[in-house]
Amino acid sequence: MCENQQCRIYKESLEEKLGRFTDDINSFRLKTLKAQNLREKITKLDKDIEKLHDEIMIKHPKSIVDIFSKLEENIKSNDVLEQDNKRLRLINDNLKAENEAMNTTITELLESINDKENSILSFNG
């Protein structure tokens, strides 16, 4: 046993560190057990998923293949529709610009006709 004060303080410090270390070891063991338990559950779930997959493929192989082929067709069709939509927007923008230009020309022509009518009226009048 320690006789002097410094020795007792050192001994108590070591005992406290040993206690924390023991707590850490116990916590680590518990976490290790939980991790092992989770790994076992994951392994079991993986096996269950494989069994379900095999059962589905045995019972419904054609329908699953059909679903995926239809999905692929829909994706391709969607891509085509998006390209068509972009082209139609571009055509629409061009038509709007042409319409605005035609409206401006018509307005100018109407103003010119109106000016000529006024000129004729003032000449006759």
Protein backbone atom coordinates (compact mmCIF):
# COMPACT_ATOMS: atom_id res chain seq x y z
CA MET A 1 0.00 0.00 0.00
CA CYS A 2 0.99 3.56 -0.55
CA GLU A 3 2.11 5.44 2.52
CA ASN A 4 2.39 8.97 1.37
CA GLN A 5 -0.19 11.37 -0.06
CA GLN A 6 1.33 11.57 -3.54
CA CYS A 7 1.33 7.81 -3.89
CA ARG A 8 -2.35 7.59 -2.83
CA ILE A 9 -3.35 10.29 -5.34
CA TYR A 10 -1.47 8.45 -8.10
CA LYS A 11 -3.09 5.17 -7.09
CA GLU A 12 -6.59 6.74 -7.10
CA SER A 13 -5.90 8.30 -10.50
CA LEU A 14 -4.85 4.92 -11.87
CA GLU A 15 -7.90 3.24 -10.37
CA GLU A 16 -10.14 5.90 -11.96
CA LYS A 17 -8.43 5.43 -15.34
CA LEU A 18 -8.75 1.66 -14.96
CA GLY A 19 -12.47 2.10 -14.22
CA ARG A 20 -12.97 4.25 -17.34
CA PHE A 21 -10.92 1.80 -19.40
CA THR A 22 -13.04 -1.08 -18.11
CA ASP A 23 -16.20 0.89 -18.97
CA ASP A 24 -14.83 1.55 -22.45
CA ILE A 25 -14.02 -2.15 -22.92
CA ASN A 26 -17.50 -3.16 -21.77
CA SER A 27 -19.06 -0.55 -24.08
CA PHE A 28 -16.94 -1.82 -26.95
CA ARG A 29 -17.98 -5.42 -26.24
CA LEU A 30 -21.62 -4.39 -26.21
CA LYS A 31 -21.23 -2.50 -29.48
CA THR A 32 -19.40 -5.47 -30.99
CA LEU A 33 -22.25 -7.78 -29.98
CA LYS A 34 -24.81 -5.37 -31.44
CA ALA A 35 -22.79 -5.11 -34.66
CA GLN A 36 -22.53 -8.88 -34.89
CA ASN A 37 -26.28 -9.17 -34.30
CA LEU A 38 -26.93 -6.60 -37.03
CA ARG A 39 -24.61 -8.44 -39.45
CA GLU A 40 -26.53 -11.65 -38.80
CA LYS A 41 -29.84 -9.88 -39.40
CA ILE A 42 -28.52 -8.32 -42.61
CA THR A 43 -27.27 -11.70 -43.81
CA LYS A 44 -30.68 -13.21 -43.08
CA LEU A 45 -32.43 -10.35 -44.90
CA ASP A 46 -30.10 -10.78 -47.89
CA LYS A 47 -30.98 -14.48 -48.04
CA ASP A 48 -34.70 -13.67 -47.74
CA ILE A 49 -34.40 -11.14 -50.57
CA GLU A 50 -32.63 -13.70 -52.76
CA LYS A 51 -35.37 -16.25 -52.05
CA LEU A 52 -38.09 -13.72 -52.89
CA HIS A 53 -36.28 -12.71 -56.06
CA ASP A 54 -35.97 -16.34 -57.12
CA GLU A 55 -39.64 -17.01 -56.33
CA ILE A 56 -40.75 -13.96 -58.29
CA MET A 57 -38.56 -14.86 -61.26
CA ILE A 58 -39.90 -18.43 -61.21
CA LYS A 59 -43.55 -17.44 -60.86
CA HIS A 60 -43.63 -14.26 -62.97
CA PRO A 61 -40.57 -14.09 -65.24
CA LYS A 62 -42.44 -12.92 -68.35
CA SER A 63 -44.34 -10.17 -66.58
CA ILE A 64 -41.16 -8.80 -65.03
CA VAL A 65 -39.35 -8.81 -68.37
CA ASP A 66 -42.40 -7.15 -69.94
CA ILE A 67 -42.43 -4.47 -67.25
CA PHE A 68 -38.76 -3.65 -67.81
CA SER A 69 -39.09 -3.63 -71.58
CA LYS A 70 -42.11 -1.31 -71.33
CA LEU A 71 -40.17 0.90 -68.96
CA GLU A 72 -37.31 1.09 -71.45
CA GLU A 73 -39.77 1.89 -74.26
CA ASN A 74 -41.35 4.63 -72.15
CA ILE A 75 -37.95 6.14 -71.40
CA LYS A 76 -37.05 6.16 -75.11
CA SER A 77 -40.47 7.55 -76.00
CA ASN A 78 -40.08 10.25 -73.35
CA ASP A 79 -36.71 11.25 -74.83
CA VAL A 80 -38.26 11.51 -78.29
CA LEU A 81 -41.16 13.56 -76.92
CA GLU A 82 -38.75 15.92 -75.17
CA GLN A 83 -36.85 16.47 -78.43
CA ASP A 84 -40.13 17.04 -80.30
CA ASN A 85 -41.21 19.48 -77.59
CA LYS A 86 -37.97 21.46 -77.98
CA ARG A 87 -38.44 21.61 -81.77
CA LEU A 88 -42.07 22.72 -81.38
CA ARG A 89 -41.06 25.46 -78.95
CA LEU A 90 -38.48 26.71 -81.43
CA ILE A 91 -41.08 26.68 -84.24
CA ASN A 92 -43.54 28.46 -81.94
CA ASP A 93 -40.98 31.15 -81.12
CA ASN A 94 -40.26 31.64 -84.85
CA LEU A 95 -43.98 31.87 -85.64
CA LYS A 96 -44.46 34.45 -82.89
CA ALA A 97 -41.64 36.55 -84.34
CA GLU A 98 -43.12 36.27 -87.86
CA ASN A 99 -46.58 37.17 -86.51
CA GLU A 100 -45.22 40.27 -84.80
CA ALA A 101 -43.43 41.30 -88.02
CA MET A 102 -46.63 40.76 -90.06
CA ASN A 103 -48.67 42.77 -87.52
CA THR A 104 -46.18 45.61 -87.80
CA THR A 105 -46.34 45.50 -91.62
CA ILE A 106 -50.16 45.42 -91.61
CA THR A 107 -50.26 48.34 -89.18
CA GLU A 108 -47.90 50.32 -91.40
CA LEU A 109 -49.98 49.48 -94.49
CA LEU A 110 -53.22 50.52 -92.74
CA GLU A 111 -51.63 53.78 -91.66
CA SER A 112 -50.42 54.38 -95.21
CA ILE A 113 -53.90 53.63 -96.63
CA ASN A 114 -55.47 55.93 -94.03
CA ASP A 115 -53.02 58.70 -94.92
CA LYS A 116 -53.81 58.27 -98.65
CA GLU A 117 -57.56 58.31 -97.97
CA ASN A 118 -57.17 61.50 -95.96
CA SER A 119 -55.07 62.95 -98.73
CA ILE A 120 -57.72 62.04 -101.35
CA LEU A 121 -60.51 63.40 -99.16
CA SER A 122 -58.69 66.64 -98.60
CA PHE A 123 -57.93 66.89 -102.31
CA ASN A 124 -61.59 66.27 -103.27
CA GLY A 125 -62.99 68.29 -100.45
